[in-house]
């Protein structure tokens, strides 16, 4: 994996990129040669399961969209349960100050079960201190605890999973993944919140019994059914539980919450935004295969790579493994996932040298999803020409590719702010 020159300070998930190269069959190498990409045919987007064309927004919303959601649920990510009946919110810090008075800090424990031993989400939330009304919010799901992601000594030190011992350890003893540039959002009148994805489900093979999914197994069931949730669906479910809380905070404009994640958490963010329409905007960074990159475009990571027994089969529904040997049988592709976000704004952020995640394949997915945005009265990309690095397209469908590799570089945060300022109403 090629890295950018700014790797020392960037949120370039190097460890994740290295892990992505493990477990791949050396005799069946991944294609990264554009000249070897063969023509492909995508599943029909604007045609119902019974073959009827979708010609208006009503048919899309009432019939075609639910059909596609069901296919992604059962064949790729897995069906998740609804909102837990015993969910509760423990705000253990309500009016903290941070960033030299720029922010009001809240710290919240989201309980998804009455059992204190059940997984719980430690959320940190920042609100612009000078806001004259409810603030828009960026919800970023992270690879480590908030105390590692934000330069703020007032955050309670969390715990994270250690894959070697399969136990929780203090976050400050674990790997670091860069920092969230909270102040850039605060200066624009936008709040920021984040939590650790492992609070819901561990990210390693054999972690099922330690996460939320084990709590929903039926008697005698040792793993989810073939169409039930994998870890990505569980992490996305956690983002919805955070949204449940944000709807109770009167200082947050719950109609203007954007979701964000990187790499496998970019996939998570795509699914969270597609499935839960309460999220007003989606920003997915380098989500690649299983996210916003077209599977039928034979370039970069493949389904076969994702579901290899040594890699990430637990992240998806078991049904997804059926398509490893023949992607043409998969009834969906990434353009359909992109279309599920419509009419809400979506920014795909990629890296020019991130061949594993196929930045061009993400662009082409957005191009193919454009007719749905047009159908709903929104602005698609408006071009079929793949833009050069650092050339942003900021329509309702948006695309930005930095000059570099997998993940984020510091300037990407500014791009996100600009995107949100164009689509959110901010009271300053």
Protein backbone atom coordinates (compact mmCIF):
# COMPACT_ATOMS: atom_id res chain seq x y z
CA UNK A 1 0.00 0.00 0.00
CA UNK A 2 1.42 3.38 -1.00
CA UNK A 3 1.41 5.98 1.74
CA UNK A 4 1.24 9.74 1.48
CA UNK A 5 4.15 11.96 2.53
CA UNK A 6 2.14 13.26 5.47
CA UNK A 7 1.71 9.87 7.10
CA UNK A 8 3.26 11.03 10.36
CA UNK A 9 0.37 13.36 11.15
CA UNK A 10 -2.38 11.89 8.97
CA UNK A 11 -5.25 9.68 9.87
CA UNK A 12 -3.86 7.09 7.47
CA UNK A 13 -4.87 3.81 9.05
CA UNK A 14 -1.59 2.13 8.17
CA UNK A 15 -2.20 -0.90 10.34
CA UNK A 16 -5.56 -1.43 8.69
CA UNK A 17 -4.00 -1.15 5.26
CA UNK A 18 -1.34 -3.71 6.15
CA UNK A 19 -3.96 -6.08 7.57
CA UNK A 20 -5.89 -5.78 4.32
CA UNK A 21 -3.00 -7.42 2.49
CA UNK A 22 -2.98 -10.51 4.70
CA UNK A 23 -4.73 -13.74 3.86
CA UNK A 24 -4.99 -13.09 0.12
CA UNK A 25 -4.45 -16.10 -2.15
CA UNK A 26 -1.02 -15.49 -3.78
CA UNK A 27 -1.99 -17.65 -6.76
CA UNK A 28 -5.03 -15.52 -7.53
CA UNK A 29 -3.63 -12.02 -7.38
CA UNK A 30 -5.77 -8.94 -7.21
CA UNK A 31 -5.88 -6.88 -10.40
CA UNK A 32 -4.52 -3.34 -10.15
CA UNK A 33 -3.98 -2.85 -13.88
CA UNK A 34 -6.64 -0.56 -15.35
CA UNK A 35 -6.08 -2.00 -18.83
CA UNK A 36 -7.18 -5.43 -17.55
CA UNK A 37 -10.56 -4.28 -16.26
CA UNK A 38 -13.16 -6.05 -18.37
CA UNK A 39 -16.56 -4.63 -19.31
CA UNK A 40 -19.23 -5.30 -16.70
CA UNK A 41 -23.00 -5.08 -16.43
CA UNK A 42 -24.57 -3.70 -13.26
CA UNK A 43 -27.87 -4.86 -11.76
CA UNK A 44 -30.85 -2.74 -12.78
CA UNK A 45 -31.28 0.18 -10.43
CA UNK A 46 -34.53 1.67 -11.67
CA UNK A 47 -36.44 -1.52 -12.37
CA UNK A 48 -38.50 -3.35 -9.75
CA UNK A 49 -38.09 -7.01 -8.93
CA UNK A 50 -41.07 -7.81 -11.14
CA UNK A 51 -39.45 -6.01 -14.08
CA UNK A 52 -41.39 -2.75 -14.07
CA UNK A 53 -39.51 0.52 -14.71
CA UNK A 54 -39.28 3.07 -11.91
CA UNK A 55 -40.35 6.38 -13.43
CA UNK A 56 -41.19 8.51 -10.41
CA UNK A 57 -40.08 9.25 -6.87
CA UNK A 58 -43.13 7.59 -5.33
CA UNK A 59 -42.33 4.21 -6.91
CA UNK A 60 -38.68 4.49 -5.88
CA UNK A 61 -39.55 5.33 -2.28
CA UNK A 62 -42.43 2.92 -1.78
CA UNK A 63 -41.26 -0.09 -3.80
CA UNK A 64 -37.81 -0.15 -5.36
CA UNK A 65 -35.88 1.30 -2.44
CA UNK A 66 -37.30 -1.22 0.09
CA UNK A 67 -36.45 -4.05 -2.33
CA UNK A 68 -32.82 -2.95 -2.50
CA UNK A 69 -32.56 -2.43 1.27
CA UNK A 70 -33.81 -5.98 1.80
CA UNK A 71 -31.22 -7.38 -0.63
CA UNK A 72 -28.36 -5.63 1.16
CA UNK A 73 -29.72 -6.76 4.51
CA UNK A 74 -30.03 -10.41 3.61
CA UNK A 75 -27.19 -10.87 1.10
CA UNK A 76 -24.38 -8.56 2.22
CA UNK A 77 -24.47 -6.93 5.65
CA UNK A 78 -27.08 -8.99 7.49
CA UNK A 79 -30.35 -8.10 9.18
CA UNK A 80 -29.99 -6.23 12.48
CA UNK A 81 -32.56 -5.88 15.27
CA UNK A 82 -34.42 -2.63 15.84
CA UNK A 83 -34.03 -0.16 18.65
CA UNK A 84 -33.61 -2.02 21.95
CA UNK A 85 -36.52 -1.58 24.35
CA UNK A 86 -34.24 -1.16 27.35
CA UNK A 87 -31.99 1.50 25.80
CA UNK A 88 -31.01 4.35 28.12
CA UNK A 89 -28.63 7.31 28.17
CA UNK A 90 -26.36 8.17 31.08
CA UNK A 91 -24.96 11.69 30.64
CA UNK A 92 -22.07 11.66 33.10
CA UNK A 93 -20.71 15.04 31.97
CA UNK A 94 -23.11 17.63 30.60
CA UNK A 95 -21.38 21.03 30.58
CA UNK A 96 -17.65 20.45 30.30
CA UNK A 97 -15.50 23.02 28.50
CA UNK A 98 -12.86 22.24 25.92
CA UNK A 99 -10.66 23.80 23.24
CA UNK A 100 -10.10 27.05 25.15
CA UNK A 101 -13.79 27.61 25.62
CA UNK A 102 -14.79 26.96 22.01
CA UNK A 103 -16.72 23.82 22.93
CA UNK A 104 -19.19 22.44 25.41
CA UNK A 105 -18.23 18.84 26.04
CA UNK A 106 -20.70 16.13 26.91
CA UNK A 107 -19.79 12.55 27.82
CA UNK A 108 -22.45 9.91 27.58
CA UNK A 109 -22.76 6.20 28.21
CA UNK A 110 -25.38 4.63 25.95
CA UNK A 111 -26.79 1.47 27.47
CA UNK A 112 -28.41 -0.93 25.01
CA UNK A 113 -29.51 -3.42 27.66
CA UNK A 114 -30.39 -3.43 31.37
CA UNK A 115 -27.62 -5.95 31.98
CA UNK A 116 -24.56 -3.95 33.11
CA UNK A 117 -22.36 -6.60 31.50
CA UNK A 118 -23.85 -5.87 28.07
CA UNK A 119 -21.91 -3.79 25.54
CA UNK A 120 -22.30 -0.05 26.03
CA UNK A 121 -21.24 2.90 23.93
CA UNK A 122 -18.97 5.58 25.38
CA UNK A 123 -19.78 8.73 23.40
CA UNK A 124 -17.97 12.07 23.51
CA UNK A 125 -19.81 15.07 22.09
CA UNK A 126 -18.65 18.63 21.39
CA UNK A 127 -21.01 21.54 20.75
CA UNK A 128 -19.96 25.01 19.55
CA UNK A 129 -20.06 27.14 22.70
CA UNK A 130 -21.22 30.26 20.86
CA UNK A 131 -24.05 28.61 18.94
CA UNK A 132 -27.30 30.58 19.01
CA UNK A 133 -29.42 27.53 18.36
CA UNK A 134 -29.22 23.77 17.84
CA UNK A 135 -26.01 22.82 16.02
CA UNK A 136 -25.44 20.42 13.13
CA UNK A 137 -23.33 17.44 14.13
CA UNK A 138 -20.66 15.20 12.59
CA UNK A 139 -20.83 11.69 14.06
CA UNK A 140 -17.54 9.92 13.35
CA UNK A 141 -17.14 6.24 14.22
CA UNK A 142 -13.55 5.50 15.26
CA UNK A 143 -11.04 2.66 15.43
CA UNK A 144 -10.12 3.48 19.00
CA UNK A 145 -11.58 5.14 22.09
CA UNK A 146 -12.42 8.88 22.05
CA UNK A 147 -9.59 9.58 24.49
CA UNK A 148 -7.16 8.50 21.75
CA UNK A 149 -8.97 10.29 18.91
CA UNK A 150 -9.20 13.79 20.34
CA UNK A 151 -6.61 16.06 21.97
CA UNK A 152 -8.59 16.71 25.14
CA UNK A 153 -7.36 15.58 28.54
CA UNK A 154 -10.88 15.94 29.93
CA UNK A 155 -12.10 12.82 28.17
CA UNK A 156 -12.55 9.73 30.30
CA UNK A 157 -9.94 7.18 29.22
CA UNK A 158 -11.78 4.33 27.58
CA UNK A 159 -10.89 0.71 26.92
CA UNK A 160 -10.32 -1.09 23.64
CA UNK A 161 -10.02 -4.69 22.52
CA UNK A 162 -6.61 -6.35 22.31
CA UNK A 163 -6.87 -8.88 19.47
CA UNK A 164 -4.02 -11.02 20.83
CA UNK A 165 -5.46 -11.57 24.31
CA UNK A 166 -9.11 -10.96 23.33
CA UNK A 167 -9.49 -8.77 26.42
CA UNK A 168 -10.17 -5.06 26.96
CA UNK A 169 -7.16 -2.92 27.80
CA UNK A 170 -6.82 0.82 28.62
CA UNK A 171 -7.04 2.79 25.40
CA UNK A 172 -3.79 4.61 26.05
CA UNK A 173 -1.98 1.27 25.82
CA UNK A 174 -3.32 0.56 22.34
CA UNK A 175 -2.63 1.64 18.80
CA UNK A 176 -3.18 5.26 17.76
CA UNK A 177 -4.99 6.19 14.54
CA UNK A 178 -4.55 9.94 14.20
CA UNK A 179 -6.81 12.66 15.56
CA UNK A 180 -10.15 14.21 14.71
CA UNK A 181 -9.76 17.90 13.87
CA UNK A 182 -12.57 19.02 16.15
CA UNK A 183 -11.71 22.73 16.10
CA UNK A 184 -12.13 23.05 12.32
CA UNK A 185 -15.74 21.92 12.72
CA UNK A 186 -16.37 24.07 15.79
CA UNK A 187 -15.10 27.14 13.92
CA UNK A 188 -17.69 26.40 11.22
CA UNK A 189 -20.52 26.07 13.75
CA UNK A 190 -20.65 22.26 13.51
CA UNK A 191 -20.49 19.90 16.48
CA UNK A 192 -18.49 16.66 16.60
CA UNK A 193 -19.17 13.36 18.35
CA UNK A 194 -17.35 10.05 18.26
CA UNK A 195 -17.27 6.55 19.75
CA UNK A 196 -15.20 3.37 19.47
CA UNK A 197 -16.60 0.74 17.10
CA UNK A 198 -15.36 -2.07 19.36
CA UNK A 199 -17.85 -0.97 22.01
CA UNK A 200 -20.40 -2.87 19.90
CA UNK A 201 -18.45 -5.76 18.40
CA UNK A 202 -14.76 -6.77 18.47
CA UNK A 203 -12.97 -6.57 15.12
CA UNK A 204 -11.29 -9.96 14.97
CA UNK A 205 -12.05 -13.56 14.15
CA UNK A 206 -13.66 -15.39 17.05
CA UNK A 207 -15.00 -12.25 18.71
CA UNK A 208 -18.70 -13.03 18.30
CA UNK A 209 -19.37 -14.02 21.90
CA UNK A 210 -17.80 -10.81 23.22
CA UNK A 211 -20.00 -8.41 21.28
CA UNK A 212 -23.58 -7.29 20.90
CA UNK A 213 -24.51 -9.92 18.31
CA UNK A 214 -24.16 -12.74 20.84
CA UNK A 215 -26.94 -11.14 22.90
CA UNK A 216 -29.39 -11.70 20.07
CA UNK A 217 -28.62 -15.35 19.37
CA UNK A 218 -31.57 -17.68 19.87
CA UNK A 219 -31.31 -20.65 22.29
CA UNK A 220 -29.05 -23.25 20.73
CA UNK A 221 -27.76 -20.84 18.10
CA UNK A 222 -23.95 -20.59 17.98
CA UNK A 223 -23.69 -18.01 15.19
CA UNK A 224 -26.04 -15.64 13.39
CA UNK A 225 -28.23 -17.13 10.68
CA UNK A 226 -27.03 -16.77 7.09
CA UNK A 227 -28.99 -13.54 6.59
CA UNK A 228 -28.33 -12.01 10.03
CA UNK A 229 -25.91 -9.28 10.96
CA UNK A 230 -22.16 -9.30 10.67
CA UNK A 231 -19.93 -6.86 12.52
CA UNK A 232 -20.36 -4.04 9.99
CA UNK A 233 -24.10 -4.20 10.50
CA UNK A 234 -23.53 -4.22 14.27
CA UNK A 235 -21.28 -1.16 14.10
CA UNK A 236 -23.84 0.63 11.92
CA UNK A 237 -26.54 -0.37 14.44
CA UNK A 238 -24.42 1.37 17.06
CA UNK A 239 -24.40 4.56 15.00
CA UNK A 240 -28.19 4.45 15.02
CA UNK A 241 -28.17 4.05 18.78
CA UNK A 242 -26.05 7.19 19.03
CA UNK A 243 -28.60 8.92 16.82
CA UNK A 244 -31.28 7.86 19.30
CA UNK A 245 -29.38 9.82 21.94
CA UNK A 246 -28.66 12.85 19.74
CA UNK A 247 -32.39 13.21 19.14
CA UNK A 248 -32.77 13.83 22.89
CA UNK A 249 -30.13 16.56 23.06
CA UNK A 250 -31.84 19.91 22.45
CA UNK A 251 -28.52 21.54 21.62
CA UNK A 252 -28.16 19.26 18.58
CA UNK A 253 -30.03 19.80 15.33
CA UNK A 254 -31.03 16.15 14.91
CA UNK A 255 -32.21 16.89 11.36
CA UNK A 256 -28.63 17.79 10.43
CA UNK A 257 -26.45 14.90 11.61
CA UNK A 258 -23.79 13.64 9.20
CA UNK A 259 -22.05 10.29 9.63
CA UNK A 260 -18.39 9.57 8.86
CA UNK A 261 -16.02 6.63 8.92
CA UNK A 262 -12.78 5.41 7.30
CA UNK A 263 -11.91 2.12 5.53
CA UNK A 264 -14.07 -0.69 7.01
CA UNK A 265 -15.76 2.06 8.99
CA UNK A 266 -16.37 3.78 5.67
CA UNK A 267 -18.32 0.66 4.71
CA UNK A 268 -20.07 0.90 8.06
CA UNK A 269 -20.93 4.53 7.45
CA UNK A 270 -22.31 3.75 3.99
CA UNK A 271 -24.60 1.09 5.43
CA UNK A 272 -25.62 3.21 8.43
CA UNK A 273 -26.50 6.13 6.17
CA UNK A 274 -28.28 3.96 3.61
CA UNK A 275 -30.29 2.05 6.19
CA UNK A 276 -31.12 4.78 8.72
CA UNK A 277 -32.61 7.74 6.89
CA UNK A 278 -32.44 9.95 9.98
CA UNK A 279 -28.83 10.71 9.06
CA UNK A 280 -28.88 13.84 6.93
CA UNK A 281 -25.56 13.37 5.13
CA UNK A 282 -22.91 10.68 4.64
CA UNK A 283 -19.13 11.04 4.35
CA UNK A 284 -17.37 7.75 3.58
CA UNK A 285 -13.58 7.59 3.35
CA UNK A 286 -11.97 4.86 1.24
CA UNK A 287 -14.79 2.39 1.86
CA UNK A 288 -13.73 0.24 -1.12
CA UNK A 289 -14.97 -3.30 -1.72
CA UNK A 290 -18.05 -4.10 0.32
CA UNK A 291 -18.66 -0.34 0.50
CA UNK A 292 -18.86 2.23 -2.29
CA UNK A 293 -16.56 0.55 -4.86
CA UNK A 294 -18.20 -1.52 -7.60
CA UNK A 295 -17.71 -5.24 -7.02
CA UNK A 296 -18.27 -6.10 -10.68
CA UNK A 297 -15.39 -3.83 -11.68
CA UNK A 298 -12.52 -6.30 -11.31
CA UNK A 299 -9.98 -3.98 -9.72
CA UNK A 300 -8.54 -3.93 -6.23
CA UNK A 301 -9.98 -5.85 -3.31
CA UNK A 302 -12.66 -8.43 -4.09
CA UNK A 303 -15.42 -10.19 -2.18
CA UNK A 304 -13.17 -13.25 -2.24
CA UNK A 305 -10.53 -11.28 -0.34
CA UNK A 306 -13.00 -9.95 2.23
CA UNK A 307 -14.64 -13.26 3.14
CA UNK A 308 -11.49 -15.39 3.14
CA UNK A 309 -11.59 -17.55 6.33
CA UNK A 310 -8.38 -15.87 7.53
CA UNK A 311 -9.66 -12.35 7.07
CA UNK A 312 -13.08 -10.73 7.60
CA UNK A 313 -15.94 -13.17 7.06
CA UNK A 314 -17.41 -12.09 10.43
CA UNK A 315 -17.93 -8.54 9.16
CA UNK A 316 -20.68 -9.59 6.73
CA UNK A 317 -23.72 -11.82 6.57
CA UNK A 318 -22.79 -15.43 5.92
CA UNK A 319 -24.79 -15.21 2.68
CA UNK A 320 -22.19 -12.81 1.28
CA UNK A 321 -19.72 -15.67 0.99
CA UNK A 322 -21.84 -17.22 -1.78
CA UNK A 323 -20.69 -14.53 -4.19
CA UNK A 324 -16.93 -14.86 -3.67
CA UNK A 325 -16.47 -17.12 -6.68
CA UNK A 326 -18.94 -15.37 -8.98
CA UNK A 327 -19.73 -11.73 -8.28
CA UNK A 328 -22.18 -11.59 -11.20
CA UNK A 329 -24.65 -13.56 -9.08
CA UNK A 330 -24.70 -10.88 -6.38
CA UNK A 331 -28.10 -9.18 -6.78
CA UNK A 332 -26.74 -5.78 -5.73
CA UNK A 333 -23.67 -3.64 -6.32
CA UNK A 334 -22.24 -0.44 -4.88
CA UNK A 335 -24.20 1.91 -7.14
CA UNK A 336 -27.34 0.63 -5.44
CA UNK A 337 -25.86 1.29 -1.99
CA UNK A 338 -24.99 4.84 -3.06
CA UNK A 339 -28.53 5.29 -4.41
CA UNK A 340 -30.03 4.31 -1.03
CA UNK A 341 -28.54 7.48 0.45
CA UNK A 342 -30.56 9.64 -1.98
CA UNK A 343 -31.84 12.31 -1.76
CA UNK A 344 -29.42 13.12 1.04
CA UNK A 345 -25.93 14.45 0.20
CA UNK A 346 -23.13 11.89 -0.01
CA UNK A 347 -19.38 12.56 -0.19
CA UNK A 348 -17.03 9.77 -1.17
CA UNK A 349 -13.46 10.66 -0.18
CA UNK A 350 -10.70 8.48 -1.61
CA UNK A 351 -6.95 8.41 -2.24
CA UNK A 352 -5.31 8.45 -5.68
CA UNK A 353 -2.85 5.63 -4.91
CA UNK A 354 -5.26 3.49 -2.92
CA UNK A 355 -5.51 0.78 -5.59
CA UNK A 356 -6.76 -1.76 -3.05
CA UNK A 357 -9.91 0.31 -2.42
CA UNK A 358 -10.40 1.27 -6.09
CA UNK A 359 -11.05 5.04 -6.04
CA UNK A 360 -12.18 4.98 -9.66
CA UNK A 361 -14.65 2.21 -8.83
CA UNK A 362 -16.19 4.44 -6.16
CA UNK A 363 -16.50 7.28 -8.67
CA UNK A 364 -18.17 4.99 -11.20
CA UNK A 365 -20.62 3.79 -8.54
CA UNK A 366 -21.67 7.39 -7.98
CA UNK A 367 -22.04 7.94 -11.73
CA UNK A 368 -24.28 4.87 -11.98
CA UNK A 369 -26.38 6.03 -9.00
CA UNK A 370 -26.91 9.45 -10.52
CA UNK A 371 -30.30 8.68 -12.13
CA UNK A 372 -31.85 8.14 -8.68
CA UNK A 373 -30.62 11.51 -7.45
CA UNK A 374 -32.00 13.08 -10.62
CA UNK A 375 -35.30 11.28 -10.13
CA UNK A 376 -35.56 12.76 -6.63
CA UNK A 377 -34.76 16.27 -7.81
CA UNK A 378 -31.18 16.34 -6.60
CA UNK A 379 -27.90 17.06 -8.37
CA UNK A 380 -25.75 14.05 -9.38
CA UNK A 381 -22.03 14.28 -10.14
CA UNK A 382 -22.79 15.78 -13.53
CA UNK A 383 -19.80 14.17 -15.22
CA UNK A 384 -18.49 10.76 -16.25
CA UNK A 385 -14.89 12.03 -16.29
CA UNK A 386 -12.94 10.80 -13.28
CA UNK A 387 -11.47 13.93 -11.66
CA UNK A 388 -7.80 14.42 -10.92
CA UNK A 389 -6.54 14.38 -7.32
CA UNK A 390 -7.53 17.39 -5.19
CA UNK A 391 -10.37 18.35 -7.58
CA UNK A 392 -13.57 18.24 -5.53
CA UNK A 393 -17.07 17.80 -6.94
CA UNK A 394 -19.53 19.21 -4.41
CA UNK A 395 -22.99 18.36 -5.67
CA UNK A 396 -25.59 16.32 -3.75
CA UNK A 397 -23.45 13.45 -4.97
CA UNK A 398 -19.90 14.57 -4.15
CA UNK A 399 -16.44 13.12 -4.73
CA UNK A 400 -12.97 14.07 -3.55
CA UNK A 401 -9.69 12.21 -4.05
CA UNK A 402 -6.61 13.43 -2.23
CA UNK A 403 -3.18 12.83 -3.73
CA UNK A 404 -2.06 9.86 -1.69
CA UNK A 405 -3.05 6.56 -0.16
CA UNK A 406 -5.60 4.82 2.01
CA UNK A 407 -7.49 6.73 4.68
CA UNK A 408 -7.30 10.44 5.41
CA UNK A 409 -4.75 13.23 5.37
CA UNK A 410 -5.20 16.30 7.61
CA UNK A 411 -6.58 18.57 4.88
CA UNK A 412 -9.46 16.15 4.26
CA UNK A 413 -11.17 17.48 7.41
CA UNK A 414 -11.38 20.91 5.75
CA UNK A 415 -12.95 19.31 2.67
CA UNK A 416 -15.57 17.69 4.89
CA UNK A 417 -16.39 21.02 6.52
CA UNK A 418 -16.77 22.70 3.13
CA UNK A 419 -19.08 19.92 1.97
CA UNK A 420 -21.28 20.20 5.07
CA UNK A 421 -21.39 24.00 4.89
CA UNK A 422 -22.84 23.69 1.40
CA UNK A 423 -25.60 21.36 2.52
CA UNK A 424 -26.38 22.24 6.13
CA UNK A 425 -27.98 25.38 7.53
CA UNK A 426 -25.73 26.69 10.26
CA UNK A 427 -26.90 29.26 12.82
CA UNK A 428 -23.87 31.24 14.01
